[in-house]
Every structure is written in structure tokens, then in C-alpha cells.
């Protein structure tokens, strides 16, 4: 029983589909030399997720570190497997940053 309880608190963090898409968009903006990548990402998130502009920006600001980490992962990965492994590492790293995890 105790082991089951402990496992619930150490499960890797899940990144939502919106965060993954925003990270990919940020990577694409950097790759193409977009002058204001965050503005482009905000407009894309709002348009494709059906969000009001204010809500889209709020989402990006609250998840900025995750989005930047995922964008960097897209840049460094040379295969889908490498991306998946990197994503698992990010999830595990996030667990160690969260308060109350030992």
C-alpha cells in the first residue's frame, strides 16, 4: 500500500498537447528566424485552440519554461526516439523541481 501511494507522487509529469504544439511552433519560429517568435506562437495557439488573445498569452506565460524546454528538445533531437527519450527526461526533471517531492 505504501509503495502505491509513493508511486503516485513520483509519476513523471505529463505535458499537454497544447504545450507540445506551442513548443514545436516556437522551435519552428526560431529555425526560420521569425522576428517575434512569442507573438507568432501566441497567435497560433489562440487561433487553433479557440482562445481569446488574453487567455492565450496567459497560457504561454504560465508555461513558458516548459514550452522553451520542448522547443530546445525539438532542436536537439535527431529522431523520434531521441525526442521521446528527451521528453521523458524533461518530465522526470520537472518532478524534482516541484515542491513536496522530497
C-alpha atoms as a PDB file:
ATOM      1  CA  UNK A   1       0.000   0.000   0.000  1.00  0.00           C
ATOM      2  CA  UNK A   2       2.708   2.482   0.929  1.00  0.00           C
ATOM      3  CA  UNK A   3       4.529   1.769  -2.335  1.00  0.00           C
ATOM      4  CA  UNK A   4       1.396   2.512  -4.351  1.00  0.00           C
ATOM      5  CA  UNK A   5       0.960   5.834  -2.570  1.00  0.00           C
ATOM      6  CA  UNK A   6       4.606   6.792  -3.143  1.00  0.00           C
ATOM      7  CA  UNK A   7       4.403   5.916  -6.842  1.00  0.00           C
ATOM      8  CA  UNK A   8       1.534   8.341  -7.389  1.00  0.00           C
ATOM      9  CA  UNK A   9       3.770  11.210  -6.279  1.00  0.00           C
ATOM     10  CA  UNK A  10       6.763  10.215  -8.396  1.00  0.00           C
ATOM     11  CA  UNK A  11       4.992   9.604 -11.691  1.00  0.00           C
ATOM     12  CA  UNK A  12       6.519  11.733 -14.488  1.00  0.00           C
ATOM     13  CA  UNK A  13       4.752  14.997 -15.270  1.00  0.00           C
ATOM     14  CA  UNK A  14       2.633  14.982 -18.400  1.00  0.00           C
ATOM     15  CA  UNK A  15       2.973  17.740 -20.941  1.00  0.00           C
ATOM     16  CA  UNK A  16      -0.318  18.621 -22.589  1.00  0.00           C
ATOM     17  CA  UNK A  17      -0.827  18.566 -26.321  1.00  0.00           C
ATOM     18  CA  UNK A  18      -1.140  22.364 -26.356  1.00  0.00           C
ATOM     19  CA  UNK A  19       2.272  22.729 -24.689  1.00  0.00           C
ATOM     20  CA  UNK A  20       3.874  20.301 -27.143  1.00  0.00           C
ATOM     21  CA  UNK A  21       2.378  22.170 -30.103  1.00  0.00           C
ATOM     22  CA  UNK A  22       3.473  25.535 -28.710  1.00  0.00           C
ATOM     23  CA  UNK A  23       6.995  24.187 -28.193  1.00  0.00           C
ATOM     24  CA  UNK A  24       7.105  22.906 -31.748  1.00  0.00           C
ATOM     25  CA  UNK A  25       5.837  26.242 -33.061  1.00  0.00           C
ATOM     26  CA  UNK A  26       8.455  28.130 -31.033  1.00  0.00           C
ATOM     27  CA  UNK A  27      11.176  25.855 -32.429  1.00  0.00           C
ATOM     28  CA  UNK A  28       9.913  26.432 -35.976  1.00  0.00           C
ATOM     29  CA  UNK A  29       9.891  30.200 -35.414  1.00  0.00           C
ATOM     30  CA  UNK A  30      13.486  30.135 -34.139  1.00  0.00           C
ATOM     31  CA  UNK A  31      14.543  27.881 -37.014  1.00  0.00           C
ATOM     32  CA  UNK A  32      13.060  30.274 -39.573  1.00  0.00           C
ATOM     33  CA  UNK A  33      14.340  33.447 -37.923  1.00  0.00           C
ATOM     34  CA  UNK A  34      10.916  34.836 -37.042  1.00  0.00           C
ATOM     35  CA  UNK A  35      11.410  38.340 -35.664  1.00  0.00           C
ATOM     36  CA  UNK A  36       8.962  37.984 -32.749  1.00  0.00           C
ATOM     37  CA  UNK A  37       8.548  34.239 -32.149  1.00  0.00           C
ATOM     38  CA  UNK A  38       6.461  34.520 -28.968  1.00  0.00           C
ATOM     39  CA  UNK A  39       3.900  36.731 -30.692  1.00  0.00           C
ATOM     40  CA  UNK A  40       3.625  34.208 -33.526  1.00  0.00           C
ATOM     41  CA  UNK A  41       3.231  31.330 -31.068  1.00  0.00           C
ATOM     42  CA  UNK A  42       0.563  33.270 -29.151  1.00  0.00           C
ATOM     43  CA  UNK A  43      -1.444  33.956 -32.304  1.00  0.00           C
ATOM     44  CA  UNK A  44      -1.169  30.317 -33.416  1.00  0.00           C
ATOM     45  CA  UNK A  45      -2.248  28.987 -30.014  1.00  0.00           C
ATOM     46  CA  UNK A  46      -5.202  31.379 -29.923  1.00  0.00           C
ATOM     47  CA  UNK A  47      -6.271  30.619 -33.483  1.00  0.00           C
ATOM     48  CA  UNK A  48      -6.004  26.857 -33.345  1.00  0.00           C
ATOM     49  CA  UNK A  49      -7.143  26.360 -29.754  1.00  0.00           C
ATOM     50  CA  UNK A  50     -10.029  28.829 -29.976  1.00  0.00           C
ATOM     51  CA  UNK A  51      -8.708  31.026 -27.176  1.00  0.00           C
ATOM     52  CA  UNK A  52      -9.124  34.746 -26.618  1.00  0.00           C
ATOM     53  CA  UNK A  53      -5.803  36.567 -27.101  1.00  0.00           C
ATOM     54  CA  UNK A  54      -5.524  37.393 -23.384  1.00  0.00           C
ATOM     55  CA  UNK A  55      -6.073  33.743 -22.445  1.00  0.00           C
ATOM     56  CA  UNK A  56      -3.512  32.573 -24.993  1.00  0.00           C
ATOM     57  CA  UNK A  57      -0.852  34.931 -23.662  1.00  0.00           C
ATOM     58  CA  UNK A  58      -1.664  33.933 -20.089  1.00  0.00           C
ATOM     59  CA  UNK A  59      -1.231  30.276 -21.019  1.00  0.00           C
ATOM     60  CA  UNK A  60       2.122  30.959 -22.701  1.00  0.00           C
ATOM     61  CA  UNK A  61       3.433  32.998 -19.789  1.00  0.00           C
ATOM     62  CA  UNK A  62       2.400  30.370 -17.244  1.00  0.00           C
ATOM     63  CA  UNK A  63       4.014  27.579 -19.286  1.00  0.00           C
ATOM     64  CA  UNK A  64       6.961  29.468 -20.764  1.00  0.00           C
ATOM     65  CA  UNK A  65       9.697  27.282 -19.255  1.00  0.00           C
ATOM     66  CA  UNK A  66       8.047  24.059 -20.427  1.00  0.00           C
ATOM     67  CA  UNK A  67       7.487  25.477 -23.916  1.00  0.00           C
ATOM     68  CA  UNK A  68      11.110  26.639 -24.163  1.00  0.00           C
ATOM     69  CA  UNK A  69      12.360  23.249 -22.929  1.00  0.00           C
ATOM     70  CA  UNK A  70      10.262  21.445 -25.523  1.00  0.00           C
ATOM     71  CA  UNK A  71      11.411  23.816 -28.291  1.00  0.00           C
ATOM     72  CA  UNK A  72      15.016  23.039 -27.341  1.00  0.00           C
ATOM     73  CA  UNK A  73      14.248  19.345 -27.398  1.00  0.00           C
ATOM     74  CA  UNK A  74      12.854  19.641 -30.934  1.00  0.00           C
ATOM     75  CA  UNK A  75      16.077  21.411 -31.938  1.00  0.00           C
ATOM     76  CA  UNK A  76      18.417  18.808 -30.395  1.00  0.00           C
ATOM     77  CA  UNK A  77      16.566  15.636 -31.353  1.00  0.00           C
ATOM     78  CA  UNK A  78      17.599  13.781 -34.481  1.00  0.00           C
ATOM     79  CA  UNK A  79      14.963  11.040 -34.318  1.00  0.00           C
ATOM     80  CA  UNK A  80      11.504  10.400 -32.856  1.00  0.00           C
ATOM     81  CA  UNK A  81      13.087   8.032 -30.332  1.00  0.00           C
ATOM     82  CA  UNK A  82      15.560  10.671 -29.201  1.00  0.00           C
ATOM     83  CA  UNK A  83      12.705  13.173 -28.824  1.00  0.00           C
ATOM     84  CA  UNK A  84      10.661  10.676 -26.786  1.00  0.00           C
ATOM     85  CA  UNK A  85      13.617   9.920 -24.510  1.00  0.00           C
ATOM     86  CA  UNK A  86      14.317  13.627 -24.068  1.00  0.00           C
ATOM     87  CA  UNK A  87      10.668  14.258 -23.248  1.00  0.00           C
ATOM     88  CA  UNK A  88      10.788  11.573 -20.559  1.00  0.00           C
ATOM     89  CA  UNK A  89      13.893  13.235 -19.092  1.00  0.00           C
ATOM     90  CA  UNK A  90      12.112  16.603 -19.051  1.00  0.00           C
ATOM     91  CA  UNK A  91       9.118  15.081 -17.303  1.00  0.00           C
ATOM     92  CA  UNK A  92      11.305  13.449 -14.667  1.00  0.00           C
ATOM     93  CA  UNK A  93      13.317  16.642 -14.154  1.00  0.00           C
ATOM     94  CA  UNK A  94      10.100  18.598 -13.615  1.00  0.00           C
ATOM     95  CA  UNK A  95       9.134  16.167 -10.865  1.00  0.00           C
ATOM     96  CA  UNK A  96      12.294  17.034  -8.936  1.00  0.00           C
ATOM     97  CA  UNK A  97      11.528  20.786  -9.224  1.00  0.00           C
ATOM     98  CA  UNK A  98       8.018  20.530  -7.807  1.00  0.00           C
ATOM     99  CA  UNK A  99       7.569  21.375  -4.116  1.00  0.00           C
ATOM    100  CA  UNK A 100       6.855  18.472  -1.813  1.00  0.00           C
ATOM    101  CA  UNK A 101       8.790  15.854  -3.782  1.00  0.00           C
ATOM    102  CA  UNK A 102      11.440  15.138  -1.267  1.00  0.00           C
END
